[in-house]
Amino acid sequence: MWDPVAYLGYADLRGRPFHDLLGRIGAEAPRRVVDLGCGPGNLTADLAKRWPNAVIEACDSSPEMVAAARAAGVEAELVDVRDWSPAVDTDVVVTNAVLQWVPGHEELLRRWAGLLPPGAWLAMQVPGNFDAPSHVLTRSLAASPRWASRIGPVRGADSVASPTDYANLLTDAGCAADVWETTYVQPLTGKDAVLEWITGTALRPIRAALDDAAWTQFRAELAPRLAEAYPTRPDGTTWFRFRRIFAVARVI
């Protein structure tokens, strides 16, 4: 279950990769722009500002996120990206921080590239920090005897491909590909800042697997591990390295 409030707690920092991705899309007057995995809709609104004459299509697989997006004025639909196919007039597809949740998403990218019209743009962004202390410590705790049977496997680095792999995939699918990676050094503040950050994303499957009491205990055990890995400066800032992988492809 997604929590739109927790996710939006760092809306500005979480939005930085989206805007960097958007800046590399060269579409001038697209007919239809699609936001696959629109979340609470706060970033979908920027697509409408960028292309005010386009039909904006938004969807998400989370009922909570779709409800939040609709409350924000976005006409979002409840759709799993694995079931989505582009309408014939689709000229831009954006999927921001979504495909890491979809095993085998490489095949989706190939399929979408094959269905989009010539000149259409396909833009994606996924996290590349599965080997960061935040994720390694979470997986280690979840795999410990106390928690393994209650939580099950937690996503690892194989959830996403390498930048080169995405470049090869999109080129082989008939696109001109622009692929890069960026590591943001995010300034987080507050008590257990990194724990609160990953609560809105990486810890979501763990939260879904545990009842309230167990979830509170898991967080209590994870918090000091994260605090040691991410020390807080005297001014209260905790620096968090936030690596992302980007790909913008234009169908030839």
Protein backbone atom coordinates (compact mmCIF):
# COMPACT_ATOMS: atom_id res chain seq x y z
CA MET A 1 0.00 0.00 0.00
CA TRP A 2 1.33 3.42 -1.00
CA ASP A 3 1.05 6.38 1.35
CA PRO A 4 0.75 9.61 -0.68
CA VAL A 5 1.40 11.75 2.40
CA ALA A 6 4.69 9.99 3.20
CA TYR A 7 5.72 10.12 -0.45
CA LEU A 8 5.00 13.85 -0.75
CA GLY A 9 6.95 14.61 2.42
CA TYR A 10 10.01 15.17 0.22
CA ALA A 11 8.19 16.31 -2.92
CA ASP A 12 10.81 18.85 -3.99
CA LEU A 13 13.75 16.46 -3.67
CA ARG A 14 11.88 13.54 -5.22
CA GLY A 15 10.84 15.78 -8.12
CA ARG A 16 14.39 16.74 -9.15
CA PRO A 17 15.00 13.64 -11.31
CA PHE A 18 11.62 14.06 -12.99
CA HIS A 19 12.43 17.58 -14.08
CA ASP A 20 15.89 16.58 -15.27
CA LEU A 21 14.26 13.81 -17.31
CA LEU A 22 11.62 16.16 -18.69
CA GLY A 23 14.30 18.63 -19.78
CA ARG A 24 15.79 16.12 -22.23
CA ILE A 25 12.53 15.37 -24.05
CA GLY A 26 12.53 17.32 -27.32
CA ALA A 27 8.84 17.02 -28.23
CA GLU A 28 7.41 20.37 -29.31
CA ALA A 29 3.70 19.80 -29.95
CA PRO A 30 2.77 16.28 -28.89
CA ARG A 31 -0.80 15.11 -29.33
CA ARG A 32 -0.93 12.84 -26.27
CA VAL A 33 1.43 12.77 -23.27
CA VAL A 34 1.24 9.81 -20.91
CA ASP A 35 2.40 9.66 -17.29
CA LEU A 36 2.79 5.97 -16.44
CA GLY A 37 2.87 5.63 -12.67
CA CYS A 38 1.66 9.14 -11.94
CA GLY A 39 1.66 8.75 -8.15
CA PRO A 40 -0.23 11.55 -6.39
CA GLY A 41 -0.28 13.62 -9.58
CA ASN A 42 1.88 16.49 -8.40
CA LEU A 43 4.34 16.00 -11.27
CA THR A 44 1.69 15.18 -13.86
CA ALA A 45 0.59 18.80 -13.59
CA ASP A 46 4.01 19.86 -14.92
CA LEU A 47 3.41 17.83 -18.08
CA ALA A 48 0.24 19.83 -18.69
CA LYS A 49 2.17 23.07 -18.20
CA ARG A 50 4.91 21.99 -20.60
CA TRP A 51 2.46 20.87 -23.30
CA PRO A 52 -0.83 22.71 -22.68
CA ASN A 53 -2.42 21.59 -25.96
CA ALA A 54 -1.75 17.89 -25.45
CA VAL A 55 -4.14 15.30 -24.08
CA ILE A 56 -2.66 14.28 -20.72
CA GLU A 57 -3.14 10.61 -19.82
CA ALA A 58 -2.20 9.52 -16.30
CA CYS A 59 -2.39 6.18 -14.55
CA ASP A 60 -1.10 4.33 -11.52
CA SER A 61 -1.51 0.83 -10.06
CA SER A 62 -2.09 2.14 -6.52
CA PRO A 63 -5.69 3.01 -5.60
CA GLU A 64 -4.36 5.36 -2.90
CA MET A 65 -2.21 7.24 -5.39
CA VAL A 66 -4.97 7.43 -7.97
CA ALA A 67 -7.32 8.85 -5.35
CA ALA A 68 -4.72 11.45 -4.34
CA ALA A 69 -4.11 12.41 -7.97
CA ARG A 70 -7.82 12.81 -8.63
CA ALA A 71 -8.15 14.94 -5.51
CA ALA A 72 -5.41 17.15 -6.95
CA GLY A 73 -7.35 17.58 -10.18
CA VAL A 74 -5.57 14.97 -12.33
CA GLU A 75 -7.83 12.61 -14.29
CA ALA A 76 -5.86 9.53 -13.29
CA GLU A 77 -6.93 5.95 -13.99
CA LEU A 78 -6.17 2.76 -12.10
CA VAL A 79 -3.96 0.80 -14.52
CA ASP A 80 -1.04 -1.58 -14.11
CA VAL A 81 1.78 -0.51 -16.44
CA ARG A 82 2.17 -4.14 -17.50
CA ASP A 83 -1.31 -3.94 -19.04
CA TRP A 84 -0.91 -0.54 -20.67
CA SER A 85 -0.56 0.03 -24.42
CA PRO A 86 -0.21 3.40 -26.17
CA ALA A 87 -3.07 4.97 -28.08
CA VAL A 88 -2.28 5.69 -31.73
CA ASP A 89 -1.75 9.41 -31.05
CA THR A 90 0.72 8.94 -28.18
CA ASP A 91 3.79 11.11 -28.77
CA VAL A 92 5.36 11.21 -25.29
CA VAL A 93 5.51 8.52 -22.60
CA VAL A 94 7.06 9.31 -19.22
CA THR A 95 7.61 6.69 -16.53
CA ASN A 96 9.28 8.17 -13.49
CA ALA A 97 10.57 5.94 -10.64
CA VAL A 98 8.17 3.14 -11.58
CA LEU A 99 9.85 0.37 -13.54
CA GLN A 100 12.10 -0.74 -10.67
CA TRP A 101 8.93 -2.22 -9.17
CA VAL A 102 8.19 -4.27 -12.31
CA PRO A 103 10.22 -7.46 -12.83
CA GLY A 104 11.11 -7.94 -16.48
CA HIS A 105 10.31 -4.34 -17.38
CA GLU A 106 12.91 -4.46 -20.15
CA GLU A 107 10.36 -6.33 -22.27
CA LEU A 108 7.81 -3.59 -21.61
CA LEU A 109 10.23 -0.99 -22.95
CA ARG A 110 10.77 -3.05 -26.11
CA ARG A 111 7.03 -3.46 -26.59
CA TRP A 112 6.23 0.19 -26.04
CA ALA A 113 8.98 1.29 -28.43
CA GLY A 114 7.53 -1.02 -31.07
CA LEU A 115 4.00 0.35 -30.65
CA LEU A 116 4.77 4.08 -30.53
CA PRO A 117 4.67 6.08 -33.78
CA PRO A 118 7.86 7.34 -35.44
CA GLY A 119 9.10 10.47 -33.72
CA ALA A 120 7.51 9.59 -30.36
CA TRP A 121 9.49 9.97 -27.15
CA LEU A 122 9.85 7.36 -24.39
CA ALA A 123 11.44 8.64 -21.18
CA MET A 124 12.20 6.68 -18.02
CA GLN A 125 13.98 7.17 -14.72
CA VAL A 126 14.74 4.51 -12.11
CA PRO A 127 16.82 4.41 -8.92
CA GLY A 128 20.36 3.12 -9.21
CA ASN A 129 21.14 3.01 -5.50
CA PHE A 130 20.23 -0.55 -4.56
CA ASP A 131 23.82 -1.07 -3.37
CA ALA A 132 23.70 2.03 -1.15
CA PRO A 133 23.87 1.55 2.65
CA SER A 134 20.18 2.43 2.98
CA HIS A 135 19.18 -0.55 0.86
CA VAL A 136 21.92 -2.96 1.92
CA LEU A 137 21.12 -2.45 5.62
CA THR A 138 17.41 -2.85 4.98
CA ARG A 139 17.91 -6.11 3.08
CA SER A 140 20.28 -7.41 5.75
CA LEU A 141 17.83 -6.75 8.57
CA ALA A 142 14.90 -8.16 6.58
CA ALA A 143 16.89 -11.35 5.90
CA SER A 144 17.80 -11.87 9.57
CA PRO A 145 16.24 -14.85 11.40
CA ARG A 146 13.89 -12.54 13.31
CA TRP A 147 12.32 -11.08 10.16
CA ALA A 148 12.95 -13.31 7.14
CA SER A 149 9.85 -15.49 7.49
CA ARG A 150 7.62 -12.47 8.02
CA ILE A 151 8.93 -10.25 5.25
CA GLY A 152 10.33 -12.49 2.52
CA PRO A 153 12.85 -11.43 -0.15
CA VAL A 154 13.52 -7.71 -0.61
CA ARG A 155 14.42 -6.21 -3.98
CA GLY A 156 18.11 -6.11 -4.85
CA ALA A 157 20.33 -4.55 -7.49
CA ASP A 158 18.87 -6.79 -10.19
CA SER A 159 15.66 -4.74 -10.03
CA VAL A 160 17.11 -2.42 -12.68
CA ALA A 161 19.55 -2.77 -15.55
CA SER A 162 22.77 -0.83 -16.08
CA PRO A 163 22.75 2.41 -18.09
CA THR A 164 24.59 0.63 -20.92
CA ASP A 165 22.05 -2.17 -20.93
CA TYR A 166 19.21 0.33 -21.29
CA ALA A 167 21.08 2.12 -24.08
CA ASN A 168 21.56 -1.15 -25.96
CA LEU A 169 17.95 -2.22 -25.41
CA LEU A 170 16.45 1.01 -26.69
CA THR A 171 18.81 1.26 -29.65
CA ASP A 172 18.06 -2.32 -30.66
CA ALA A 173 14.34 -1.51 -30.36
CA GLY A 174 14.69 1.11 -33.09
CA CYS A 175 15.23 4.26 -31.05
CA ALA A 176 17.82 6.99 -30.77
CA ALA A 177 18.81 6.67 -27.12
CA ASP A 178 20.13 9.24 -24.65
CA VAL A 179 21.08 7.47 -21.41
CA TRP A 180 22.87 8.85 -18.37
CA GLU A 181 23.13 8.62 -14.60
CA THR A 182 23.22 11.25 -11.88
CA THR A 183 23.99 11.03 -8.17
CA TYR A 184 22.24 13.75 -6.19
CA VAL A 185 23.57 14.54 -2.72
CA GLN A 186 20.30 15.26 -0.98
CA PRO A 187 20.21 17.35 2.22
CA LEU A 188 17.82 15.64 4.62
CA THR A 189 16.85 17.03 8.01
CA GLY A 190 15.05 15.85 11.11
CA LYS A 191 15.27 12.83 13.37
CA ASP A 192 16.04 9.55 11.57
CA ALA A 193 16.09 11.46 8.29
CA VAL A 194 17.15 8.58 6.04
CA LEU A 195 14.68 6.21 7.66
CA GLU A 196 11.88 8.67 7.02
CA TRP A 197 13.05 9.14 3.41
CA ILE A 198 13.02 5.43 2.54
CA THR A 199 9.75 4.86 4.43
CA GLY A 200 7.92 6.51 1.53
CA THR A 201 9.46 4.21 -1.11
CA ALA A 202 11.93 1.39 -0.41
CA LEU A 203 10.28 0.27 2.83
CA ARG A 204 6.79 0.13 1.34
CA PRO A 205 6.78 -3.66 0.72
CA ILE A 206 8.09 -4.26 4.24
CA ARG A 207 5.38 -2.09 5.73
CA ALA A 208 2.78 -4.02 3.76
CA ALA A 209 4.09 -7.33 5.14
CA LEU A 210 3.99 -6.35 8.82
CA ASP A 211 1.30 -5.43 11.31
CA ASP A 212 1.58 -2.14 13.17
CA ALA A 213 3.53 -3.49 16.14
CA ALA A 214 6.02 -5.40 14.00
CA TRP A 215 6.47 -2.41 11.70
CA THR A 216 7.28 -0.18 14.66
CA GLN A 217 9.83 -2.74 15.90
CA PHE A 218 11.44 -3.13 12.48
CA ARG A 219 11.88 0.63 12.19
CA ALA A 220 13.33 0.77 15.70
CA GLU A 221 15.94 -1.83 14.76
CA LEU A 222 16.77 -0.23 11.41
CA ALA A 223 17.05 3.37 12.68
CA PRO A 224 20.41 3.09 14.53
CA ARG A 225 21.95 1.17 11.63
CA LEU A 226 21.02 3.95 9.24
CA ALA A 227 22.11 6.66 11.67
CA GLU A 228 25.57 5.11 11.85
CA ALA A 229 25.85 4.83 8.06
CA TYR A 230 24.54 8.36 7.50
CA PRO A 231 25.90 10.63 10.24
CA THR A 232 24.16 13.91 10.93
CA ARG A 233 26.18 17.10 10.77
CA PRO A 234 26.22 19.55 13.70
CA ASP A 235 23.87 21.80 11.73
CA GLY A 236 21.30 18.98 11.54
CA THR A 237 21.86 18.04 7.89
CA THR A 238 22.18 14.43 6.82
CA TRP A 239 23.66 13.97 3.35
CA PHE A 240 22.00 11.22 1.32
CA ARG A 241 23.52 10.01 -1.95
CA PHE A 242 20.68 9.44 -4.41
CA ARG A 243 21.83 7.77 -7.66
CA ARG A 244 19.39 7.67 -10.57
CA ILE A 245 19.46 6.15 -14.06
CA PHE A 246 17.80 8.03 -16.93
CA ALA A 247 16.92 7.11 -20.50
CA VAL A 248 15.22 9.23 -23.14
CA ALA A 249 14.54 7.48 -26.44
CA ARG A 250 13.08 8.78 -29.70
CA VAL A 251 11.45 6.27 -32.01
CA ILE A 252 13.08 6.38 -35.43
